[in-house]
Amino acid sequence: MLHASTAVRTAASAVLACAALFAAAGCSSESEKKGDAKGGEGSALKTASALTVKGREPMSGYTRTKFGQAWADTDGNKCGTRDDILKRDLSEVKFGDGRCTVTSGTLTKDPYTGKSVRFERGKSKIDIDHVVALSDAWQKGARAWDPAKRVALANDPLNLIAADASANRSKGDGDTAKWLPDNEAYRCEYVARQVAVKKKYGLWVTDVEKAAMVKVLSTCPSRKPPTGGNPTAAPTRFTTK
């Protein structure tokens, strides 16, 4: 049994060691594990809280062609956007042409269901989902954009993920207030991505949508929104109808 003073010295030494080796050893306080309940600077929660709130505009005038040809090669890598996302998100990928056309692969853990889904070209059970649906974007600012910006949104990897087709179709064009993935472990990442896209493109949110975003992100207040993707204007060679 340790003498009381020895025990105190031992505990103090452990605390000092943790502080000194924090980054390397991974020691962290409970407050750091939980994060700032209101979200720190740069967090998805803080970003969501700052999004502009407005009412939903009418759907009138919306068609998919307002966002250009589907899966346009806006990044100029000679591969369509759909194949780019399949290459990024699937494992065990096989190509029909050696480089671009994905013929098979596996979505090891579908973000919306948490299950493994096999991709076979021509009988696919996988969709490429616009995390912020194009029709939702149309009603929240995109109808007033230049065509180049709409084409960019439709093909921006930041706004695209491979997902189980059935789950994706149950989502439809729902925003956070209307739909969340059944896979609860993915909800923070999903909402953070929607927030990142809406911030990047200057899209607004409705009041109920913003409340739903904040509710989800309050459970993960330290999560950062994803970054990157393509520029917010596609090259001028791409047009819309």
C-alpha atoms as a PDB file:
ATOM      1  CA  MET A   1       0.000   0.000   0.000  1.00  0.00           C
ATOM      2  CA  LEU A   2       1.377   3.464  -0.975  1.00  0.00           C
ATOM      3  CA  HIS A   3       1.977   6.059   1.707  1.00  0.00           C
ATOM      4  CA  ALA A   4      -0.403   9.035   1.210  1.00  0.00           C
ATOM      5  CA  SER A   5       2.346  11.466   0.228  1.00  0.00           C
ATOM      6  CA  THR A   6       3.792   8.937  -2.222  1.00  0.00           C
ATOM      7  CA  ALA A   7       0.374   8.446  -3.792  1.00  0.00           C
ATOM      8  CA  VAL A   8      -0.090  12.185  -4.218  1.00  0.00           C
ATOM      9  CA  ARG A   9       3.331  12.534  -5.821  1.00  0.00           C
ATOM     10  CA  THR A  10       2.549   9.639  -8.172  1.00  0.00           C
ATOM     11  CA  ALA A  11      -0.776  11.140  -9.236  1.00  0.00           C
ATOM     12  CA  ALA A  12       0.808  14.546  -9.768  1.00  0.00           C
ATOM     13  CA  SER A  13       3.538  13.030 -11.894  1.00  0.00           C
ATOM     14  CA  ALA A  14       0.947  11.281 -14.048  1.00  0.00           C
ATOM     15  CA  VAL A  15      -0.934  14.532 -14.620  1.00  0.00           C
ATOM     16  CA  LEU A  16       2.276  16.357 -15.588  1.00  0.00           C
ATOM     17  CA  ALA A  17       3.260  13.542 -17.924  1.00  0.00           C
ATOM     18  CA  CYS A  18      -0.122  13.654 -19.617  1.00  0.00           C
ATOM     19  CA  ALA A  19       0.159  17.412 -20.091  1.00  0.00           C
ATOM     20  CA  ALA A  20       3.666  17.165 -21.483  1.00  0.00           C
ATOM     21  CA  LEU A  21       2.839  14.307 -23.803  1.00  0.00           C
ATOM     22  CA  PHE A  22      -0.676  15.391 -24.770  1.00  0.00           C
ATOM     23  CA  ALA A  23      -0.229  15.417 -28.515  1.00  0.00           C
ATOM     24  CA  ALA A  24       1.821  12.246 -28.708  1.00  0.00           C
ATOM     25  CA  ALA A  25       0.009  10.176 -26.107  1.00  0.00           C
ATOM     26  CA  GLY A  26      -3.550  11.331 -26.829  1.00  0.00           C
ATOM     27  CA  CYS A  27      -4.392  12.432 -23.283  1.00  0.00           C
ATOM     28  CA  SER A  28      -7.407  14.742 -23.264  1.00  0.00           C
ATOM     29  CA  SER A  29      -9.726  16.379 -20.806  1.00  0.00           C
ATOM     30  CA  GLU A  30     -13.430  15.636 -20.669  1.00  0.00           C
ATOM     31  CA  SER A  31     -14.229  19.128 -21.992  1.00  0.00           C
ATOM     32  CA  GLU A  32     -12.005  18.528 -25.015  1.00  0.00           C
ATOM     33  CA  LYS A  33     -13.671  15.175 -25.687  1.00  0.00           C
ATOM     34  CA  LYS A  34     -17.102  16.775 -25.548  1.00  0.00           C
ATOM     35  CA  GLY A  35     -16.115  19.940 -27.384  1.00  0.00           C
ATOM     36  CA  ASP A  36     -17.631  23.373 -27.054  1.00  0.00           C
ATOM     37  CA  ALA A  37     -21.380  22.856 -26.701  1.00  0.00           C
ATOM     38  CA  LYS A  38     -21.956  25.846 -28.991  1.00  0.00           C
ATOM     39  CA  GLY A  39     -19.323  24.787 -31.501  1.00  0.00           C
ATOM     40  CA  GLY A  40     -15.910  26.371 -31.769  1.00  0.00           C
ATOM     41  CA  GLU A  41     -14.736  28.619 -34.572  1.00  0.00           C
ATOM     42  CA  GLY A  42     -14.663  26.686 -37.821  1.00  0.00           C
ATOM     43  CA  SER A  43     -16.962  23.946 -36.566  1.00  0.00           C
ATOM     44  CA  ALA A  44     -19.870  22.714 -38.649  1.00  0.00           C
ATOM     45  CA  LEU A  45     -22.215  23.737 -35.830  1.00  0.00           C
ATOM     46  CA  LYS A  46     -20.917  27.307 -35.833  1.00  0.00           C
ATOM     47  CA  THR A  47     -21.088  27.428 -39.635  1.00  0.00           C
ATOM     48  CA  ALA A  48     -24.667  26.109 -39.645  1.00  0.00           C
ATOM     49  CA  SER A  49     -25.681  28.711 -37.081  1.00  0.00           C
ATOM     50  CA  ALA A  50     -24.410  31.466 -39.403  1.00  0.00           C
ATOM     51  CA  LEU A  51     -26.248  30.321 -42.557  1.00  0.00           C
ATOM     52  CA  THR A  52     -28.780  32.770 -43.967  1.00  0.00           C
ATOM     53  CA  VAL A  53     -32.404  31.879 -43.205  1.00  0.00           C
ATOM     54  CA  LYS A  54     -35.089  32.563 -45.815  1.00  0.00           C
ATOM     55  CA  GLY A  55     -38.257  30.972 -47.082  1.00  0.00           C
ATOM     56  CA  ARG A  56     -38.294  28.308 -49.760  1.00  0.00           C
ATOM     57  CA  GLU A  57     -38.833  29.660 -53.283  1.00  0.00           C
ATOM     58  CA  PRO A  58     -41.206  27.949 -55.748  1.00  0.00           C
ATOM     59  CA  MET A  59     -40.114  24.882 -57.709  1.00  0.00           C
ATOM     60  CA  SER A  60     -41.434  26.470 -60.903  1.00  0.00           C
ATOM     61  CA  GLY A  61     -38.905  26.468 -63.702  1.00  0.00           C
ATOM     62  CA  TYR A  62     -36.798  23.664 -62.241  1.00  0.00           C
ATOM     63  CA  THR A  63     -35.517  20.863 -64.462  1.00  0.00           C
ATOM     64  CA  ARG A  64     -32.389  18.737 -64.145  1.00  0.00           C
ATOM     65  CA  THR A  65     -31.084  20.335 -67.344  1.00  0.00           C
ATOM     66  CA  LYS A  66     -30.875  23.691 -65.535  1.00  0.00           C
ATOM     67  CA  PHE A  67     -27.768  22.180 -63.919  1.00  0.00           C
ATOM     68  CA  GLY A  68     -26.256  21.019 -67.194  1.00  0.00           C
ATOM     69  CA  GLN A  69     -25.607  17.615 -68.698  1.00  0.00           C
ATOM     70  CA  ALA A  70     -25.489  14.904 -66.056  1.00  0.00           C
ATOM     71  CA  TRP A  71     -22.004  13.965 -64.825  1.00  0.00           C
ATOM     72  CA  ALA A  72     -20.137  16.490 -66.958  1.00  0.00           C
ATOM     73  CA  ASP A  73     -16.333  16.318 -66.853  1.00  0.00           C
ATOM     74  CA  THR A  74     -15.951  19.754 -65.303  1.00  0.00           C
ATOM     75  CA  ASP A  75     -12.528  19.011 -63.821  1.00  0.00           C
ATOM     76  CA  GLY A  76     -11.126  18.090 -67.237  1.00  0.00           C
ATOM     77  CA  ASN A  77      -9.648  14.719 -66.243  1.00  0.00           C
ATOM     78  CA  LYS A  78     -11.339  12.984 -69.215  1.00  0.00           C
ATOM     79  CA  CYS A  79     -13.615  10.949 -66.912  1.00  0.00           C
ATOM     80  CA  GLY A  80     -17.266  11.670 -66.117  1.00  0.00           C
ATOM     81  CA  THR A  81     -18.132  12.861 -62.633  1.00  0.00           C
ATOM     82  CA  ARG A  82     -20.106   9.690 -61.808  1.00  0.00           C
ATOM     83  CA  ASP A  83     -17.086   7.477 -62.459  1.00  0.00           C
ATOM     84  CA  ASP A  84     -14.858   9.873 -60.515  1.00  0.00           C
ATOM     85  CA  ILE A  85     -17.032   9.429 -57.419  1.00  0.00           C
ATOM     86  CA  LEU A  86     -17.278   5.661 -57.851  1.00  0.00           C
ATOM     87  CA  LYS A  87     -13.472   5.493 -58.040  1.00  0.00           C
ATOM     88  CA  ARG A  88     -13.191   7.619 -54.921  1.00  0.00           C
ATOM     89  CA  ASP A  89     -15.783   5.841 -52.774  1.00  0.00           C
ATOM     90  CA  LEU A  90     -15.614   2.180 -53.801  1.00  0.00           C
ATOM     91  CA  SER A  91     -13.013  -0.454 -53.010  1.00  0.00           C
ATOM     92  CA  GLU A  92     -11.939  -3.363 -55.229  1.00  0.00           C
ATOM     93  CA  VAL A  93     -12.648  -1.174 -58.269  1.00  0.00           C
ATOM     94  CA  LYS A  94     -12.403  -2.665 -61.767  1.00  0.00           C
ATOM     95  CA  PHE A  95     -12.476  -0.684 -65.010  1.00  0.00           C
ATOM     96  CA  GLY A  96     -13.838  -1.452 -68.442  1.00  0.00           C
ATOM     97  CA  ASP A  97     -11.392   0.867 -70.170  1.00  0.00           C
ATOM     98  CA  GLY A  98      -8.463   0.732 -67.788  1.00  0.00           C
ATOM     99  CA  ARG A  99      -8.946   4.211 -66.327  1.00  0.00           C
ATOM    100  CA  CYS A 100     -12.402   5.757 -66.238  1.00  0.00           C
ATOM    101  CA  THR A 101     -15.366   3.451 -66.712  1.00  0.00           C
ATOM    102  CA  VAL A 102     -15.983   1.668 -63.408  1.00  0.00           C
ATOM    103  CA  THR A 103     -17.512  -1.747 -64.074  1.00  0.00           C
ATOM    104  CA  SER A 104     -17.557  -3.138 -60.529  1.00  0.00           C
ATOM    105  CA  GLY A 105     -16.565  -2.442 -56.957  1.00  0.00           C
ATOM    106  CA  THR A 106     -17.792  -2.506 -53.378  1.00  0.00           C
ATOM    107  CA  LEU A 107     -19.156   0.253 -51.202  1.00  0.00           C
ATOM    108  CA  THR A 108     -17.681  -1.296 -48.069  1.00  0.00           C
ATOM    109  CA  LYS A 109     -19.833   0.700 -45.675  1.00  0.00           C
ATOM    110  CA  ASP A 110     -22.723   2.545 -47.265  1.00  0.00           C
ATOM    111  CA  PRO A 111     -23.041   5.900 -45.479  1.00  0.00           C
ATOM    112  CA  TYR A 112     -26.831   5.813 -45.376  1.00  0.00           C
ATOM    113  CA  THR A 113     -27.387   2.243 -44.162  1.00  0.00           C
ATOM    114  CA  GLY A 114     -24.014   1.161 -42.799  1.00  0.00           C
ATOM    115  CA  LYS A 115     -24.154  -1.981 -44.955  1.00  0.00           C
ATOM    116  CA  SER A 116     -21.822  -3.287 -47.646  1.00  0.00           C
ATOM    117  CA  VAL A 117     -23.230  -2.783 -51.162  1.00  0.00           C
ATOM    118  CA  ARG A 118     -21.865  -4.314 -54.351  1.00  0.00           C
ATOM    119  CA  PHE A 119     -21.649  -2.266 -57.545  1.00  0.00           C
ATOM    120  CA  GLU A 120     -22.046  -3.946 -60.952  1.00  0.00           C
ATOM    121  CA  ARG A 121     -22.405  -1.659 -63.951  1.00  0.00           C
ATOM    122  CA  GLY A 122     -25.790  -2.056 -65.635  1.00  0.00           C
ATOM    123  CA  LYS A 123     -27.486  -3.494 -62.541  1.00  0.00           C
ATOM    124  CA  SER A 124     -26.250  -1.128 -59.908  1.00  0.00           C
ATOM    125  CA  LYS A 125     -27.635  -0.905 -56.402  1.00  0.00           C
ATOM    126  CA  ILE A 126     -25.588   2.250 -55.877  1.00  0.00           C
ATOM    127  CA  ASP A 127     -26.497   5.839 -56.743  1.00  0.00           C
ATOM    128  CA  ILE A 128     -24.346   8.952 -56.738  1.00  0.00           C
ATOM    129  CA  ASP A 129     -26.245  11.252 -54.422  1.00  0.00           C
ATOM    130  CA  HIS A 130     -26.257  15.040 -54.449  1.00  0.00           C
ATOM    131  CA  VAL A 131     -26.020  15.616 -50.692  1.00  0.00           C
ATOM    132  CA  VAL A 132     -27.702  18.973 -51.257  1.00  0.00           C
ATOM    133  CA  ALA A 133     -30.337  17.982 -53.795  1.00  0.00           C
ATOM    134  CA  LEU A 134     -30.403  20.098 -56.947  1.00  0.00           C
ATOM    135  CA  SER A 135     -34.097  20.865 -56.611  1.00  0.00           C
ATOM    136  CA  ASP A 136     -33.536  21.912 -53.004  1.00  0.00           C
ATOM    137  CA  ALA A 137     -30.723  24.198 -54.164  1.00  0.00           C
ATOM    138  CA  TRP A 138     -33.030  25.628 -56.857  1.00  0.00           C
ATOM    139  CA  GLN A 139     -35.510  26.694 -54.190  1.00  0.00           C
ATOM    140  CA  LYS A 140     -32.824  28.219 -51.976  1.00  0.00           C
ATOM    141  CA  GLY A 141     -30.866  30.454 -54.287  1.00  0.00           C
ATOM    142  CA  ALA A 142     -29.729  28.494 -57.344  1.00  0.00           C
ATOM    143  CA  ARG A 143     -32.549  29.632 -59.607  1.00  0.00           C
ATOM    144  CA  ALA A 144     -30.887  33.068 -59.740  1.00  0.00           C
ATOM    145  CA  TRP A 145     -27.380  31.755 -60.475  1.00  0.00           C
ATOM    146  CA  ASP A 146     -25.385  31.873 -63.661  1.00  0.00           C
ATOM    147  CA  PRO A 147     -25.448  28.501 -65.466  1.00  0.00           C
ATOM    148  CA  ALA A 148     -21.733  27.954 -64.752  1.00  0.00           C
ATOM    149  CA  LYS A 149     -22.402  27.944 -61.006  1.00  0.00           C
ATOM    150  CA  ARG A 150     -25.271  25.466 -61.293  1.00  0.00           C
ATOM    151  CA  VAL A 151     -23.140  23.096 -63.397  1.00  0.00           C
ATOM    152  CA  ALA A 152     -20.382  23.380 -60.796  1.00  0.00           C
ATOM    153  CA  LEU A 153     -22.711  22.438 -57.929  1.00  0.00           C
ATOM    154  CA  ALA A 154     -24.082  19.424 -59.813  1.00  0.00           C
ATOM    155  CA  ASN A 155     -20.571  18.035 -60.372  1.00  0.00           C
ATOM    156  CA  ASP A 156     -18.713  19.154 -57.255  1.00  0.00           C
ATOM    157  CA  PRO A 157     -17.216  16.156 -55.380  1.00  0.00           C
ATOM    158  CA  LEU A 158     -17.904  18.015 -52.138  1.00  0.00           C
ATOM    159  CA  ASN A 159     -21.622  17.569 -52.850  1.00  0.00           C
ATOM    160  CA  LEU A 160     -21.473  13.979 -54.104  1.00  0.00           C
ATOM    161  CA  ILE A 161     -21.246  10.579 -52.414  1.00  0.00           C
ATOM    162  CA  ALA A 162     -21.885   6.999 -53.488  1.00  0.00           C
ATOM    163  CA  ALA A 163     -24.832   5.583 -51.549  1.00  0.00           C
ATOM    164  CA  ASP A 164     -27.277   2.705 -51.450  1.00  0.00           C
ATOM    165  CA  ALA A 165     -29.804   3.367 -54.227  1.00  0.00           C
ATOM    166  CA  SER A 166     -32.869   2.480 -52.175  1.00  0.00           C
ATOM    167  CA  ALA A 167     -31.867   4.734 -49.278  1.00  0.00           C
ATOM    168  CA  ASN A 168     -30.989   7.556 -51.644  1.00  0.00           C
ATOM    169  CA  ARG A 169     -34.345   7.375 -53.383  1.00  0.00           C
ATOM    170  CA  SER A 170     -36.153   7.449 -50.053  1.00  0.00           C
ATOM    171  CA  LYS A 171     -34.375  10.752 -49.434  1.00  0.00           C
ATOM    172  CA  GLY A 172     -35.622  12.300 -52.662  1.00  0.00           C
ATOM    173  CA  ASP A 173     -34.898  16.024 -52.531  1.00  0.00           C
ATOM    174  CA  GLY A 174     -35.322  16.283 -48.767  1.00  0.00           C
ATOM    175  CA  ASP A 175     -33.222  18.647 -46.693  1.00  0.00           C
ATOM    176  CA  THR A 176     -32.052  17.944 -43.126  1.00  0.00           C
ATOM    177  CA  ALA A 177     -35.481  18.782 -41.697  1.00  0.00           C
ATOM    178  CA  LYS A 178     -37.146  16.184 -43.936  1.00  0.00           C
ATOM    179  CA  TRP A 179     -34.635  13.345 -44.105  1.00  0.00           C
ATOM    180  CA  LEU A 180     -31.666  11.874 -42.243  1.00  0.00           C
ATOM    181  CA  PRO A 181     -29.880   8.586 -42.945  1.00  0.00           C
ATOM    182  CA  ASP A 182     -30.926   5.533 -40.938  1.00  0.00           C
ATOM    183  CA  ASN A 183     -27.247   5.060 -40.132  1.00  0.00           C
ATOM    184  CA  GLU A 184     -27.106   7.292 -37.055  1.00  0.00           C
ATOM    185  CA  ALA A 185     -23.301   7.085 -36.923  1.00  0.00           C
ATOM    186  CA  TYR A 186     -23.151   8.988 -40.215  1.00  0.00           C
ATOM    187  CA  ARG A 187     -25.613  11.764 -39.413  1.00  0.00           C
ATOM    188  CA  CYS A 188     -23.067  14.278 -38.129  1.00  0.00           C
ATOM    189  CA  GLU A 189     -20.861  13.805 -41.164  1.00  0.00           C
ATOM    190  CA  TYR A 190     -23.866  13.995 -43.492  1.00  0.00           C
ATOM    191  CA  VAL A 191     -25.211  17.239 -42.018  1.00  0.00           C
ATOM    192  CA  ALA A 192     -21.716  18.747 -41.831  1.00  0.00           C
ATOM    193  CA  ARG A 193     -21.347  18.086 -45.568  1.00  0.00           C
ATOM    194  CA  GLN A 194     -24.680  19.761 -46.329  1.00  0.00           C
ATOM    195  CA  VAL A 195     -23.588  22.747 -44.265  1.00  0.00           C
ATOM    196  CA  ALA A 196     -20.245  22.891 -46.115  1.00  0.00           C
ATOM    197  CA  VAL A 197     -21.963  22.877 -49.513  1.00  0.00           C
ATOM    198  CA  LYS A 198     -24.523  25.503 -48.564  1.00  0.00           C
ATOM    199  CA  LYS A 199     -21.800  27.737 -47.139  1.00  0.00           C
ATOM    200  CA  LYS A 200     -19.531  27.294 -50.178  1.00  0.00           C
ATOM    201  CA  TYR A 201     -22.263  28.127 -52.692  1.00  0.00           C
ATOM    202  CA  GLY A 202     -24.119  30.746 -50.672  1.00  0.00           C
ATOM    203  CA  LEU A 203     -27.362  28.757 -50.450  1.00  0.00           C
ATOM    204  CA  TRP A 204     -29.765  29.657 -47.704  1.00  0.00           C
ATOM    205  CA  VAL A 205     -31.738  27.404 -45.357  1.00  0.00           C
ATOM    206  CA  THR A 206     -35.272  27.516 -43.996  1.00  0.00           C
ATOM    207  CA  ASP A 207     -35.794  28.066 -40.291  1.00  0.00           C
ATOM    208  CA  VAL A 208     -36.860  24.459 -39.680  1.00  0.00           C
ATOM    209  CA  GLU A 209     -33.909  23.178 -41.726  1.00  0.00           C
ATOM    210  CA  LYS A 210     -31.459  25.237 -39.705  1.00  0.00           C
ATOM    211  CA  ALA A 211     -32.989  24.020 -36.442  1.00  0.00           C
ATOM    212  CA  ALA A 212     -32.629  20.414 -37.630  1.00  0.00           C
ATOM    213  CA  MET A 213     -28.987  20.993 -38.600  1.00  0.00           C
ATOM    214  CA  VAL A 214     -28.177  22.536 -35.235  1.00  0.00           C
ATOM    215  CA  LYS A 215     -29.909  19.691 -33.396  1.00  0.00           C
ATOM    216  CA  VAL A 216     -27.786  17.051 -35.130  1.00  0.00           C
ATOM    217  CA  LEU A 217     -24.516  18.968 -34.943  1.00  0.00           C
ATOM    218  CA  SER A 218     -25.022  19.760 -31.259  1.00  0.00           C
ATOM    219  CA  THR A 219     -24.277  16.083 -30.638  1.00  0.00           C
ATOM    220  CA  CYS A 220     -20.838  16.529 -32.283  1.00  0.00           C
ATOM    221  CA  PRO A 221     -19.975  20.202 -31.688  1.00  0.00           C
ATOM    222  CA  SER A 222     -16.294  19.852 -32.542  1.00  0.00           C
ATOM    223  CA  ARG A 223     -16.844  18.344 -35.984  1.00  0.00           C
ATOM    224  CA  LYS A 224     -15.377  20.399 -38.807  1.00  0.00           C
ATOM    225  CA  PRO A 225     -17.195  20.743 -42.139  1.00  0.00           C
ATOM    226  CA  PRO A 226     -15.427  19.025 -45.051  1.00  0.00           C
ATOM    227  CA  THR A 227     -13.528  21.220 -47.482  1.00  0.00           C
ATOM    228  CA  GLY A 228     -12.244  21.046 -51.029  1.00  0.00           C
ATOM    229  CA  GLY A 229     -14.059  20.067 -54.177  1.00  0.00           C
ATOM    230  CA  ASN A 230     -14.159  21.977 -57.435  1.00  0.00           C
ATOM    231  CA  PRO A 231     -14.396  25.733 -58.108  1.00  0.00           C
ATOM    232  CA  THR A 232     -17.886  27.236 -57.848  1.00  0.00           C
ATOM    233  CA  ALA A 233     -17.986  28.039 -61.565  1.00  0.00           C
ATOM    234  CA  ALA A 234     -17.639  25.403 -64.286  1.00  0.00           C
ATOM    235  CA  PRO A 235     -15.614  26.126 -67.454  1.00  0.00           C
ATOM    236  CA  THR A 236     -17.499  28.137 -70.043  1.00  0.00           C
ATOM    237  CA  ARG A 237     -17.700  25.167 -72.457  1.00  0.00           C
ATOM    238  CA  PHE A 238     -20.495  23.714 -70.295  1.00  0.00           C
ATOM    239  CA  THR A 239     -24.015  24.982 -70.886  1.00  0.00           C
ATOM    240  CA  THR A 240     -27.504  24.443 -69.520  1.00  0.00           C
ATOM    241  CA  LYS A 241     -30.986  24.346 -71.036  1.00  0.00           C
END
